[in-house]
C-alpha atoms as a PDB file:
ATOM      1  CA  MET A   1      51.145  53.107 -66.750  1.00  0.00           C
ATOM      2  CA  LYS A   2      47.643  53.165 -65.342  1.00  0.00           C
ATOM      3  CA  TRP A   3      46.093  50.116 -63.714  1.00  0.00           C
ATOM      4  CA  ARG A   4      42.853  49.343 -62.044  1.00  0.00           C
ATOM      5  CA  ILE A   5      41.379  48.105 -58.797  1.00  0.00           C
ATOM      6  CA  ALA A   6      39.022  45.299 -59.752  1.00  0.00           C
ATOM      7  CA  VAL A   7      35.746  45.250 -57.824  1.00  0.00           C
ATOM      8  CA  ALA A   8      32.272  43.874 -58.283  1.00  0.00           C
ATOM      9  CA  GLY A   9      30.162  46.045 -60.553  1.00  0.00           C
ATOM     10  CA  ALA A  10      26.736  44.932 -59.416  1.00  0.00           C
ATOM     11  CA  ALA A  11      24.704  46.636 -56.721  1.00  0.00           C
ATOM     12  CA  ALA A  12      24.674  44.740 -53.431  1.00  0.00           C
ATOM     13  CA  THR A  13      23.486  45.036 -49.843  1.00  0.00           C
ATOM     14  CA  ILE A  14      25.753  44.799 -46.810  1.00  0.00           C
ATOM     15  CA  ALA A  15      24.327  44.418 -43.307  1.00  0.00           C
ATOM     16  CA  PHE A  16      26.066  45.618 -40.157  1.00  0.00           C
ATOM     17  CA  GLY A  17      24.298  44.887 -36.889  1.00  0.00           C
ATOM     18  CA  GLY A  18      20.823  45.287 -38.337  1.00  0.00           C
ATOM     19  CA  VAL A  19      21.684  48.385 -40.375  1.00  0.00           C
ATOM     20  CA  VAL A  20      21.551  47.787 -44.089  1.00  0.00           C
ATOM     21  CA  ALA A  21      23.667  49.979 -46.334  1.00  0.00           C
ATOM     22  CA  ALA A  22      23.134  49.976 -50.071  1.00  0.00           C
ATOM     23  CA  VAL A  23      26.228  49.637 -52.234  1.00  0.00           C
ATOM     24  CA  ASP A  24      25.875  51.202 -55.665  1.00  0.00           C
ATOM     25  CA  THR A  25      28.235  51.401 -58.613  1.00  0.00           C
ATOM     26  CA  GLN A  26      28.492  55.182 -58.769  1.00  0.00           C
ATOM     27  CA  SER A  27      32.035  56.386 -59.329  1.00  0.00           C
ATOM     28  CA  THR A  28      35.203  55.655 -61.208  1.00  0.00           C
ATOM     29  CA  LEU A  29      38.842  55.741 -60.204  1.00  0.00           C
ATOM     30  CA  THR A  30      42.026  55.714 -62.243  1.00  0.00           C
ATOM     31  CA  LEU A  31      45.067  54.663 -60.245  1.00  0.00           C
ATOM     32  CA  ALA A  32      48.165  55.755 -62.128  1.00  0.00           C
ATOM     33  CA  GLY A  33      50.697  55.248 -59.350  1.00  0.00           C
ATOM     34  CA  PRO A  34      51.960  56.310 -55.912  1.00  0.00           C
ATOM     35  CA  ASN A  35      51.630  60.044 -56.589  1.00  0.00           C
ATOM     36  CA  ASP A  36      47.834  59.860 -56.802  1.00  0.00           C
ATOM     37  CA  THR A  37      45.790  61.227 -53.899  1.00  0.00           C
ATOM     38  CA  LEU A  38      42.733  59.107 -53.163  1.00  0.00           C
ATOM     39  CA  SER A  39      39.793  59.327 -50.788  1.00  0.00           C
ATOM     40  CA  ALA A  40      40.243  56.688 -48.094  1.00  0.00           C
ATOM     41  CA  GLN A  41      36.487  56.096 -48.071  1.00  0.00           C
ATOM     42  CA  THR A  42      36.428  55.501 -51.832  1.00  0.00           C
ATOM     43  CA  VAL A  43      39.247  52.970 -51.574  1.00  0.00           C
ATOM     44  CA  LEU A  44      37.525  51.301 -48.608  1.00  0.00           C
ATOM     45  CA  ALA A  45      34.387  50.904 -50.719  1.00  0.00           C
ATOM     46  CA  SER A  46      36.399  48.980 -53.328  1.00  0.00           C
ATOM     47  CA  ILE A  47      37.422  46.259 -50.866  1.00  0.00           C
ATOM     48  CA  THR A  48      35.511  42.978 -50.747  1.00  0.00           C
ATOM     49  CA  VAL A  49      33.612  42.272 -47.522  1.00  0.00           C
ATOM     50  CA  ALA A  50      33.759  38.548 -46.730  1.00  0.00           C
ATOM     51  CA  PRO A  51      34.094  36.167 -43.772  1.00  0.00           C
ATOM     52  CA  GLU A  52      37.645  35.394 -42.677  1.00  0.00           C
ATOM     53  CA  ASN A  53      39.249  32.027 -43.343  1.00  0.00           C
ATOM     54  CA  PRO A  54      41.651  31.349 -40.433  1.00  0.00           C
ATOM     55  CA  ARG A  55      42.140  27.626 -41.023  1.00  0.00           C
ATOM     56  CA  GLY A  56      45.695  26.420 -41.527  1.00  0.00           C
ATOM     57  CA  TYR A  57      47.595  29.553 -40.468  1.00  0.00           C
ATOM     58  CA  LYS A  58      51.171  29.173 -39.238  1.00  0.00           C
ATOM     59  CA  ARG A  59      53.565  32.079 -38.870  1.00  0.00           C
ATOM     60  CA  SER A  60      56.301  29.951 -40.422  1.00  0.00           C
ATOM     61  CA  LEU A  61      54.383  30.082 -43.721  1.00  0.00           C
ATOM     62  CA  PHE A  62      55.592  33.705 -44.066  1.00  0.00           C
ATOM     63  CA  LYS A  63      59.399  33.590 -44.207  1.00  0.00           C
ATOM     64  CA  HIS A  64      61.055  36.717 -42.789  1.00  0.00           C
ATOM     65  CA  TRP A  65      63.317  38.615 -42.259  1.00  0.00           C
ATOM     66  CA  ILE A  66      65.166  38.212 -45.555  1.00  0.00           C
ATOM     67  CA  ASP A  67      66.471  40.363 -48.400  1.00  0.00           C
ATOM     68  CA  VAL A  68      63.927  40.076 -51.208  1.00  0.00           C
ATOM     69  CA  ASP A  69      64.835  43.175 -53.214  1.00  0.00           C
ATOM     70  CA  GLY A  70      68.539  42.373 -53.580  1.00  0.00           C
ATOM     71  CA  ASP A  71      69.902  45.505 -51.911  1.00  0.00           C
ATOM     72  CA  GLY A  72      71.989  43.539 -49.417  1.00  0.00           C
ATOM     73  CA  CYS A  73      69.799  44.386 -46.407  1.00  0.00           C
ATOM     74  CA  ASP A  74      67.200  42.117 -44.896  1.00  0.00           C
ATOM     75  CA  ALA A  75      63.772  43.686 -44.471  1.00  0.00           C
ATOM     76  CA  ARG A  76      64.159  44.339 -40.721  1.00  0.00           C
ATOM     77  CA  GLU A  77      67.420  46.265 -41.088  1.00  0.00           C
ATOM     78  CA  GLN A  78      66.041  48.140 -44.052  1.00  0.00           C
ATOM     79  CA  VAL A  79      63.019  49.371 -42.070  1.00  0.00           C
ATOM     80  CA  LEU A  80      65.190  50.202 -39.039  1.00  0.00           C
ATOM     81  CA  LYS A  81      67.283  52.437 -41.320  1.00  0.00           C
ATOM     82  CA  ARG A  82      64.294  53.971 -43.084  1.00  0.00           C
ATOM     83  CA  ASP A  83      62.317  54.814 -39.949  1.00  0.00           C
ATOM     84  CA  ALA A  84      65.217  56.131 -37.872  1.00  0.00           C
ATOM     85  CA  ILE A  85      65.164  59.774 -36.814  1.00  0.00           C
ATOM     86  CA  GLY A  86      67.998  61.561 -38.546  1.00  0.00           C
ATOM     87  CA  LEU A  87      70.942  59.661 -39.994  1.00  0.00           C
ATOM     88  CA  PRO A  88      71.496  56.187 -38.488  1.00  0.00           C
ATOM     89  CA  GLN A  89      74.937  54.638 -38.045  1.00  0.00           C
ATOM     90  CA  VAL A  90      75.042  51.533 -40.241  1.00  0.00           C
ATOM     91  CA  ASP A  91      77.704  48.878 -40.762  1.00  0.00           C
ATOM     92  CA  PRO A  92      78.137  49.098 -44.561  1.00  0.00           C
ATOM     93  CA  PHE A  93      79.322  45.510 -44.892  1.00  0.00           C
ATOM     94  CA  LYS A  94      76.729  43.707 -42.783  1.00  0.00           C
ATOM     95  CA  CYS A  95      73.961  46.265 -43.364  1.00  0.00           C
ATOM     96  CA  PHE A  96      73.414  46.330 -39.608  1.00  0.00           C
ATOM     97  CA  VAL A  97      71.996  49.410 -37.883  1.00  0.00           C
ATOM     98  CA  VAL A  98      74.566  50.040 -35.139  1.00  0.00           C
ATOM     99  CA  GLU A  99      73.057  53.166 -33.618  1.00  0.00           C
ATOM    100  CA  ALA A 100      69.961  55.283 -34.240  1.00  0.00           C
ATOM    101  CA  ASP A 101      66.976  57.002 -32.623  1.00  0.00           C
ATOM    102  CA  TRP A 102      63.434  55.815 -33.213  1.00  0.00           C
ATOM    103  CA  LEU A 103      60.066  57.376 -32.397  1.00  0.00           C
ATOM    104  CA  SER A 104      57.142  54.952 -32.389  1.00  0.00           C
ATOM    105  CA  PRO A 105      54.117  56.462 -34.179  1.00  0.00           C
ATOM    106  CA  TYR A 106      51.750  54.131 -32.315  1.00  0.00           C
ATOM    107  CA  ASP A 107      52.435  55.467 -28.814  1.00  0.00           C
ATOM    108  CA  GLY A 108      55.049  58.237 -29.069  1.00  0.00           C
ATOM    109  CA  VAL A 109      57.745  56.173 -27.308  1.00  0.00           C
ATOM    110  CA  LYS A 110      61.300  57.209 -28.211  1.00  0.00           C
ATOM    111  CA  THR A 111      64.268  54.847 -27.894  1.00  0.00           C
ATOM    112  CA  THR A 112      67.871  54.354 -28.944  1.00  0.00           C
ATOM    113  CA  ASP A 113      67.774  50.632 -28.156  1.00  0.00           C
ATOM    114  CA  ARG A 114      67.169  48.592 -31.297  1.00  0.00           C
ATOM    115  CA  THR A 115      66.052  45.621 -29.195  1.00  0.00           C
ATOM    116  CA  GLU A 116      63.073  47.713 -28.073  1.00  0.00           C
ATOM    117  CA  VAL A 117      61.978  48.314 -31.673  1.00  0.00           C
ATOM    118  CA  ASP A 118      59.705  45.839 -33.461  1.00  0.00           C
ATOM    119  CA  ILE A 119      58.986  45.840 -37.179  1.00  0.00           C
ATOM    120  CA  ASP A 120      55.216  45.674 -37.358  1.00  0.00           C
ATOM    121  CA  HIS A 121      53.322  44.181 -40.260  1.00  0.00           C
ATOM    122  CA  VAL A 122      50.626  46.873 -40.338  1.00  0.00           C
ATOM    123  CA  VAL A 123      48.200  44.235 -41.568  1.00  0.00           C
ATOM    124  CA  ALA A 124      49.432  41.345 -39.441  1.00  0.00           C
ATOM    125  CA  LEU A 125      50.510  38.097 -41.073  1.00  0.00           C
ATOM    126  CA  LYS A 126      47.592  36.169 -39.590  1.00  0.00           C
ATOM    127  CA  GLU A 127      45.154  38.894 -40.614  1.00  0.00           C
ATOM    128  CA  ALA A 128      46.547  38.760 -44.143  1.00  0.00           C
ATOM    129  CA  TRP A 129      46.180  34.963 -44.147  1.00  0.00           C
ATOM    130  CA  ASP A 130      42.589  35.127 -42.938  1.00  0.00           C
ATOM    131  CA  SER A 131      41.783  37.762 -45.576  1.00  0.00           C
ATOM    132  CA  GLY A 132      43.114  36.006 -48.662  1.00  0.00           C
ATOM    133  CA  ALA A 133      46.786  35.103 -48.241  1.00  0.00           C
ATOM    134  CA  PHE A 134      45.764  31.512 -47.511  1.00  0.00           C
ATOM    135  CA  ALA A 135      45.377  31.198 -51.292  1.00  0.00           C
ATOM    136  CA  TRP A 136      48.863  32.567 -52.033  1.00  0.00           C
ATOM    137  CA  ASN A 137      51.897  30.440 -52.750  1.00  0.00           C
ATOM    138  CA  GLU A 138      55.152  30.607 -50.805  1.00  0.00           C
ATOM    139  CA  ALA A 139      56.695  33.259 -53.062  1.00  0.00           C
ATOM    140  CA  GLN A 140      53.698  35.536 -52.583  1.00  0.00           C
ATOM    141  CA  ARG A 141      53.713  35.147 -48.790  1.00  0.00           C
ATOM    142  CA  THR A 142      57.463  35.794 -48.641  1.00  0.00           C
ATOM    143  CA  ALA A 143      57.103  38.921 -50.760  1.00  0.00           C
ATOM    144  CA  TYR A 144      54.381  40.236 -48.449  1.00  0.00           C
ATOM    145  CA  ALA A 145      56.233  39.415 -45.230  1.00  0.00           C
ATOM    146  CA  ASN A 146      59.314  41.355 -46.394  1.00  0.00           C
ATOM    147  CA  ASP A 147      57.700  44.123 -48.444  1.00  0.00           C
ATOM    148  CA  THR A 148      59.758  47.315 -48.238  1.00  0.00           C
ATOM    149  CA  SER A 149      58.538  48.638 -51.582  1.00  0.00           C
ATOM    150  CA  ASP A 150      55.733  50.565 -49.851  1.00  0.00           C
ATOM    151  CA  SER A 151      56.407  52.070 -46.424  1.00  0.00           C
ATOM    152  CA  ARG A 152      52.867  51.314 -45.249  1.00  0.00           C
ATOM    153  CA  THR A 153      53.350  47.532 -45.169  1.00  0.00           C
ATOM    154  CA  LEU A 154      56.102  47.467 -42.519  1.00  0.00           C
ATOM    155  CA  LEU A 155      56.674  50.008 -39.755  1.00  0.00           C
ATOM    156  CA  ALA A 156      59.211  50.430 -36.935  1.00  0.00           C
ATOM    157  CA  VAL A 157      57.265  50.744 -33.652  1.00  0.00           C
ATOM    158  CA  SER A 158      57.834  50.207 -29.953  1.00  0.00           C
ATOM    159  CA  SER A 159      57.879  46.549 -29.008  1.00  0.00           C
ATOM    160  CA  SER A 160      55.239  47.179 -26.334  1.00  0.00           C
ATOM    161  CA  SER A 161      52.742  48.670 -28.805  1.00  0.00           C
ATOM    162  CA  ASN A 162      53.366  45.909 -31.333  1.00  0.00           C
ATOM    163  CA  ARG A 163      52.695  43.232 -28.749  1.00  0.00           C
ATOM    164  CA  SER A 164      49.590  45.053 -27.587  1.00  0.00           C
ATOM    165  CA  LYS A 165      48.307  45.060 -31.153  1.00  0.00           C
ATOM    166  CA  GLY A 166      49.131  41.414 -31.919  1.00  0.00           C
ATOM    167  CA  ASP A 167      47.109  40.289 -34.932  1.00  0.00           C
ATOM    168  CA  LYS A 168      44.077  42.486 -34.200  1.00  0.00           C
ATOM    169  CA  ASP A 169      42.309  44.487 -36.900  1.00  0.00           C
ATOM    170  CA  PRO A 170      41.052  48.079 -36.354  1.00  0.00           C
ATOM    171  CA  SER A 171      37.738  46.870 -34.954  1.00  0.00           C
ATOM    172  CA  ASN A 172      39.688  45.601 -31.909  1.00  0.00           C
ATOM    173  CA  TRP A 173      42.821  47.789 -31.763  1.00  0.00           C
ATOM    174  CA  LEU A 174      43.925  51.303 -32.672  1.00  0.00           C
ATOM    175  CA  PRO A 175      47.164  53.150 -31.817  1.00  0.00           C
ATOM    176  CA  ALA A 176      47.202  54.764 -28.379  1.00  0.00           C
ATOM    177  CA  LEU A 177      48.389  58.010 -29.965  1.00  0.00           C
ATOM    178  CA  ARG A 178      45.086  59.472 -31.135  1.00  0.00           C
ATOM    179  CA  ALA A 179      46.774  61.903 -33.518  1.00  0.00           C
ATOM    180  CA  TYR A 180      48.035  58.912 -35.532  1.00  0.00           C
ATOM    181  CA  GLN A 181      44.799  56.927 -35.678  1.00  0.00           C
ATOM    182  CA  CYS A 182      43.486  58.370 -38.964  1.00  0.00           C
ATOM    183  CA  THR A 183      46.885  57.809 -40.601  1.00  0.00           C
ATOM    184  CA  TYR A 184      46.819  54.230 -39.322  1.00  0.00           C
ATOM    185  CA  VAL A 185      43.338  53.715 -40.755  1.00  0.00           C
ATOM    186  CA  ALA A 186      44.436  55.068 -44.149  1.00  0.00           C
ATOM    187  CA  ASN A 187      47.536  52.859 -44.156  1.00  0.00           C
ATOM    188  CA  TRP A 188      45.504  49.769 -43.236  1.00  0.00           C
ATOM    189  CA  ILE A 189      43.086  50.396 -46.098  1.00  0.00           C
ATOM    190  CA  ALA A 190      45.933  51.024 -48.561  1.00  0.00           C
ATOM    191  CA  VAL A 191      47.707  47.765 -47.652  1.00  0.00           C
ATOM    192  CA  LYS A 192      44.519  45.726 -47.950  1.00  0.00           C
ATOM    193  CA  ALA A 193      43.601  47.283 -51.304  1.00  0.00           C
ATOM    194  CA  ARG A 194      47.113  47.012 -52.752  1.00  0.00           C
ATOM    195  CA  TRP A 195      47.432  43.337 -51.857  1.00  0.00           C
ATOM    196  CA  GLY A 196      43.877  42.375 -52.839  1.00  0.00           C
ATOM    197  CA  LEU A 197      42.859  41.354 -49.311  1.00  0.00           C
ATOM    198  CA  SER A 198      39.272  41.322 -48.052  1.00  0.00           C
ATOM    199  CA  MET A 199      37.749  42.655 -44.825  1.00  0.00           C
ATOM    200  CA  ASP A 200      35.234  41.114 -42.478  1.00  0.00           C
ATOM    201  CA  GLN A 201      32.065  43.005 -41.597  1.00  0.00           C
ATOM    202  CA  SER A 202      33.165  44.350 -38.204  1.00  0.00           C
ATOM    203  CA  GLU A 203      36.498  45.545 -39.592  1.00  0.00           C
ATOM    204  CA  TRP A 204      34.912  47.251 -42.615  1.00  0.00           C
ATOM    205  CA  GLY A 205      32.154  48.758 -40.500  1.00  0.00           C
ATOM    206  CA  ARG A 206      34.540  50.236 -37.916  1.00  0.00           C
ATOM    207  CA  LEU A 207      36.689  51.809 -40.627  1.00  0.00           C
ATOM    208  CA  ASN A 208      33.647  53.187 -42.415  1.00  0.00           C
ATOM    209  CA  ASN A 209      32.359  54.693 -39.169  1.00  0.00           C
ATOM    210  CA  MET A 210      35.701  56.374 -38.501  1.00  0.00           C
ATOM    211  CA  LEU A 211      35.924  57.751 -42.038  1.00  0.00           C
ATOM    212  CA  SER A 212      32.389  59.099 -41.640  1.00  0.00           C
ATOM    213  CA  GLY A 213      33.208  60.624 -38.263  1.00  0.00           C
ATOM    214  CA  SER A 214      36.511  61.396 -36.553  1.00  0.00           C
ATOM    215  CA  CYS A 215      38.567  60.680 -39.701  1.00  0.00           C
ATOM    216  CA  ALA A 216      36.210  62.255 -42.247  1.00  0.00           C
ATOM    217  CA  GLY A 217      38.034  63.584 -45.292  1.00  0.00           C
ATOM    218  CA  THR A 218      41.077  61.343 -44.807  1.00  0.00           C
ATOM    219  CA  THR A 219      43.051  60.775 -47.990  1.00  0.00           C
ATOM    220  CA  LEU A 220      45.796  58.360 -48.899  1.00  0.00           C
ATOM    221  CA  ARG A 221      48.392  58.213 -51.617  1.00  0.00           C
ATOM    222  CA  GLY A 222      48.294  55.687 -54.405  1.00  0.00           C
ATOM    223  CA  TRP A 223      50.655  52.778 -54.840  1.00  0.00           C
ATOM    224  CA  ASN A 224      52.612  50.734 -57.318  1.00  0.00           C
ATOM    225  CA  PRO A 225      51.695  47.067 -57.850  1.00  0.00           C
ATOM    226  CA  PRO A 226      53.010  44.686 -55.135  1.00  0.00           C
ATOM    227  CA  PRO A 227      56.418  43.026 -55.612  1.00  0.00           C
ATOM    228  CA  ALA A 228      56.926  40.402 -58.313  1.00  0.00           C
ATOM    229  CA  GLY A 229      55.508  36.984 -57.539  1.00  0.00           C
ATOM    230  CA  VAL A 230      52.271  38.451 -56.168  1.00  0.00           C
ATOM    231  CA  GLY A 231      49.038  38.754 -58.124  1.00  0.00           C
ATOM    232  CA  THR A 232      48.452  42.393 -59.082  1.00  0.00           C
ATOM    233  CA  PRO A 233      45.588  44.298 -60.639  1.00  0.00           C
ATOM    234  CA  ALA A 234      45.395  44.196 -64.418  1.00  0.00           C
ATOM    235  CA  SER A 235      47.431  46.847 -66.219  1.00  0.00           C
ATOM    236  CA  THR A 236      45.697  49.042 -68.727  1.00  0.00           C
ATOM    237  CA  THR A 237      46.570  52.102 -70.745  1.00  0.00           C
ATOM    238  CA  SER A 238      43.388  54.100 -70.614  1.00  0.00           C
ATOM    239  CA  SER A 239      40.452  52.345 -68.974  1.00  0.00           C
ATOM    240  CA  LEU A 240      38.837  53.537 -65.755  1.00  0.00           C
ATOM    241  CA  ALA A 241      38.200  51.163 -62.902  1.00  0.00           C
ATOM    242  CA  THR A 242      34.698  50.961 -61.495  1.00  0.00           C
ATOM    243  CA  VAL A 243      34.762  51.352 -57.738  1.00  0.00           C
ATOM    244  CA  THR A 244      31.777  50.704 -55.492  1.00  0.00           C
ATOM    245  CA  THR A 245      30.895  53.573 -53.190  1.00  0.00           C
ATOM    246  CA  LEU A 246      28.780  53.335 -50.087  1.00  0.00           C
ATOM    247  CA  ASN A 247      25.455  55.087 -49.783  1.00  0.00           C
ATOM    248  CA  THR A 248      25.782  56.274 -46.201  1.00  0.00           C
ATOM    249  CA  SER A 249      22.085  57.117 -45.782  1.00  0.00           C
ATOM    250  CA  SER A 250      21.384  53.780 -44.148  1.00  0.00           C
ATOM    251  CA  THR A 251      18.003  52.447 -43.175  1.00  0.00           C
ATOM    252  CA  THR A 252      17.362  50.161 -40.258  1.00  0.00           C
ATOM    253  CA  SER A 253      15.958  46.769 -40.984  1.00  0.00           C
ATOM    254  CA  THR A 254      16.111  43.273 -39.643  1.00  0.00           C
ATOM    255  CA  ALA A 255      19.118  41.641 -41.213  1.00  0.00           C
ATOM    256  CA  THR A 256      18.993  37.935 -41.755  1.00  0.00           C
ATOM    257  CA  SER A 257      22.406  36.437 -42.084  1.00  0.00           C
ATOM    258  CA  SER A 258      23.079  33.158 -43.710  1.00  0.00           C
ATOM    259  CA  THR A 259      26.303  31.295 -43.681  1.00  0.00           C
ATOM    260  CA  THR A 260      27.233  29.438 -46.775  1.00  0.00           C
ATOM    261  CA  SER A 261      29.983  26.946 -46.491  1.00  0.00           C
ATOM    262  CA  THR A 262      32.192  26.560 -49.495  1.00  0.00           C
ATOM    263  CA  THR A 263      34.531  23.771 -50.278  1.00  0.00           C
ATOM    264  CA  SER A 264      37.727  24.414 -52.122  1.00  0.00           C
ATOM    265  CA  THR A 265      38.899  21.726 -54.461  1.00  0.00           C
ATOM    266  CA  SER A 266      42.399  20.746 -53.407  1.00  0.00           C
ATOM    267  CA  THR A 267      44.988  19.189 -55.624  1.00  0.00           C
ATOM    268  CA  THR A 268      47.647  16.772 -54.499  1.00  0.00           C
ATOM    269  CA  SER A 269      49.926  17.185 -57.458  1.00  0.00           C
ATOM    270  CA  SER A 270      50.361  20.096 -59.769  1.00  0.00           C
ATOM    271  CA  THR A 271      53.214  21.447 -61.784  1.00  0.00           C
ATOM    272  CA  SER A 272      51.231  24.129 -63.572  1.00  0.00           C
ATOM    273  CA  THR A 273      51.051  27.679 -62.228  1.00  0.00           C
ATOM    274  CA  SER A 274      49.698  31.078 -63.054  1.00  0.00           C
ATOM    275  CA  THR A 275      50.516  34.761 -62.615  1.00  0.00           C
ATOM    276  CA  SER A 276      48.607  38.029 -62.656  1.00  0.00           C
ATOM    277  CA  THR A 277      46.720  39.157 -65.699  1.00  0.00           C
ATOM    278  CA  SER A 278      48.293  41.135 -68.483  1.00  0.00           C
ATOM    279  CA  THR A 279      46.594  43.056 -71.201  1.00  0.00           C
ATOM    280  CA  SER A 280      46.879  39.998 -73.433  1.00  0.00           C
ATOM    281  CA  GLY A 281      45.365  37.667 -70.807  1.00  0.00           C
ATOM    282  CA  ALA A 282      48.206  35.186 -71.309  1.00  0.00           C
ATOM    283  CA  ALA A 283      48.974  32.686 -68.534  1.00  0.00           C
ATOM    284  CA  ASP A 284      52.404  32.464 -66.954  1.00  0.00           C
ATOM    285  CA  SER A 285      54.090  30.107 -64.517  1.00  0.00           C
ATOM    286  CA  THR A 286      54.722  31.667 -61.108  1.00  0.00           C
ATOM    287  CA  VAL A 287      51.522  31.290 -59.062  1.00  0.00           C
ATOM    288  CA  LYS A 288      50.054  27.892 -58.229  1.00  0.00           C
ATOM    289  CA  VAL A 289      46.506  27.229 -59.454  1.00  0.00           C
ATOM    290  CA  ASN A 290      44.207  25.128 -57.269  1.00  0.00           C
ATOM    291  CA  PRO A 291      40.936  24.756 -59.208  1.00  0.00           C
ATOM    292  CA  GLY A 292      38.014  25.890 -57.064  1.00  0.00           C
ATOM    293  CA  SER A 293      40.111  27.604 -54.387  1.00  0.00           C
ATOM    294  CA  PHE A 294      39.988  31.296 -53.500  1.00  0.00           C
ATOM    295  CA  CYS A 295      42.296  33.551 -55.486  1.00  0.00           C
ATOM    296  CA  ALA A 296      43.340  37.151 -56.106  1.00  0.00           C
ATOM    297  CA  PRO A 297      43.264  39.373 -58.020  1.00  0.00           C
ATOM    298  CA  GLU A 298      40.098  38.874 -60.025  1.00  0.00           C
ATOM    299  CA  GLY A 299      41.006  38.359 -63.685  1.00  0.00           C
ATOM    300  CA  ALA A 300      44.327  36.574 -63.059  1.00  0.00           C
ATOM    301  CA  VAL A 301      44.892  33.658 -65.441  1.00  0.00           C
ATOM    302  CA  GLY A 302      46.875  30.436 -65.283  1.00  0.00           C
ATOM    303  CA  VAL A 303      47.013  26.816 -66.347  1.00  0.00           C
ATOM    304  CA  TYR A 304      46.365  23.493 -64.641  1.00  0.00           C
ATOM    305  CA  ASN A 305      46.749  20.140 -66.372  1.00  0.00           C
ATOM    306  CA  SER A 306      47.152  21.988 -69.696  1.00  0.00           C
ATOM    307  CA  ARG A 307      43.822  23.800 -69.250  1.00  0.00           C
ATOM    308  CA  ASN A 308      43.413  27.559 -68.862  1.00  0.00           C
ATOM    309  CA  TYR A 309      41.941  28.876 -65.594  1.00  0.00           C
ATOM    310  CA  VAL A 310      40.779  32.354 -64.589  1.00  0.00           C
ATOM    311  CA  CYS A 311      40.361  33.983 -61.161  1.00  0.00           C
ATOM    312  CA  SER A 312      36.674  34.935 -61.256  1.00  0.00           C
ATOM    313  CA  LYS A 313      33.875  35.956 -58.884  1.00  0.00           C
ATOM    314  CA  THR A 314      31.338  34.092 -61.031  1.00  0.00           C
ATOM    315  CA  ASN A 315      31.088  30.573 -62.366  1.00  0.00           C
ATOM    316  CA  ALA A 316      31.147  29.789 -66.080  1.00  0.00           C
ATOM    317  CA  SER A 317      27.417  30.557 -66.279  1.00  0.00           C
ATOM    318  CA  GLY A 318      27.857  34.009 -64.754  1.00  0.00           C
ATOM    319  CA  VAL A 319      26.395  33.113 -61.336  1.00  0.00           C
ATOM    320  CA  PRO A 320      28.314  34.889 -58.503  1.00  0.00           C
ATOM    321  CA  TYR A 321      30.092  32.726 -55.960  1.00  0.00           C
ATOM    322  CA  SER A 322      28.895  33.035 -52.376  1.00  0.00           C
ATOM    323  CA  GLY A 323      30.587  35.686 -50.243  1.00  0.00           C
ATOM    324  CA  GLY A 324      31.685  37.687 -53.281  1.00  0.00           C
ATOM    325  CA  ARG A 325      35.081  35.942 -53.292  1.00  0.00           C
ATOM    326  CA  ALA A 326      36.941  35.062 -56.467  1.00  0.00           C
ATOM    327  CA  ARG A 327      37.813  31.437 -57.243  1.00  0.00           C
ATOM    328  CA  TRP A 328      39.914  29.610 -59.813  1.00  0.00           C
ATOM    329  CA  ARG A 329      37.613  28.199 -62.497  1.00  0.00           C
ATOM    330  CA  GLN A 330      38.207  26.850 -65.976  1.00  0.00           C
ATOM    331  CA  GLN A 331      38.293  29.576 -68.584  1.00  0.00           C
ATOM    332  CA  THR A 332      35.565  29.376 -71.220  1.00  0.00           C
END
């Protein structure tokens, strides 16, 4: 099954510190699954650049560590087993890692003490919230917080490196082990793209600079859609996805930035929900629809008060919403 990364198809201009880079619709990408090899820079160019929305974040909104895939192990124990060096000793009844060796890829620290190992959300929970998870429902946030279906989402690292990182993005923090930095960059981009999360300008710019310099030529593997309960890109049997690529021959100009405030329409009572798009475009009942609020992925459909809604980057007249972010609007 092939599926697509949905991105804006129109040419746009992105400014970074007075340097304006033209974004053109130039290339196509077919993502068939996790065995694909993709250019990290091409995937980066498909990610929406938008201001962060930090309001309302609480760590308790992302329930973890729990068993979401039904294998009997909570997500922490599962990652401790997966990332151990060699064969770990595991209690088969409690799914508890009794003894193992771990080597932290962030700083090269090796330990046999499980209390010195943290399970890092590569894209931190707060960063995910700020970048789009604020529009998810509880099931989506729980799926993300405990995602072991792709090894790039969660990683066993030294507790000291995880606490040093905190909720910083790559514009403010990179692993101390320089040999791992390009891998970290590729993993960060893959997680953001897979989960439909945006990037702010400094984050996107730092990654683009690294992929144009010290990490030039970095590739990453593809991915399967996120776990059930989370909006995923539309499935398709043969179509190609248009992906924006960055024209790196930038010209210097004076960039005028304007901040547009947007107001999301909140609802106090709603029993109708939506899910990700299918090829038929039919609405389902797993993801809550808040008309006017941010949403992901673009093209998802749902119902609210018996009316069909679509996750769209334009209003019903075709006018793009500010910031390039998708919102729930009534389907025409």
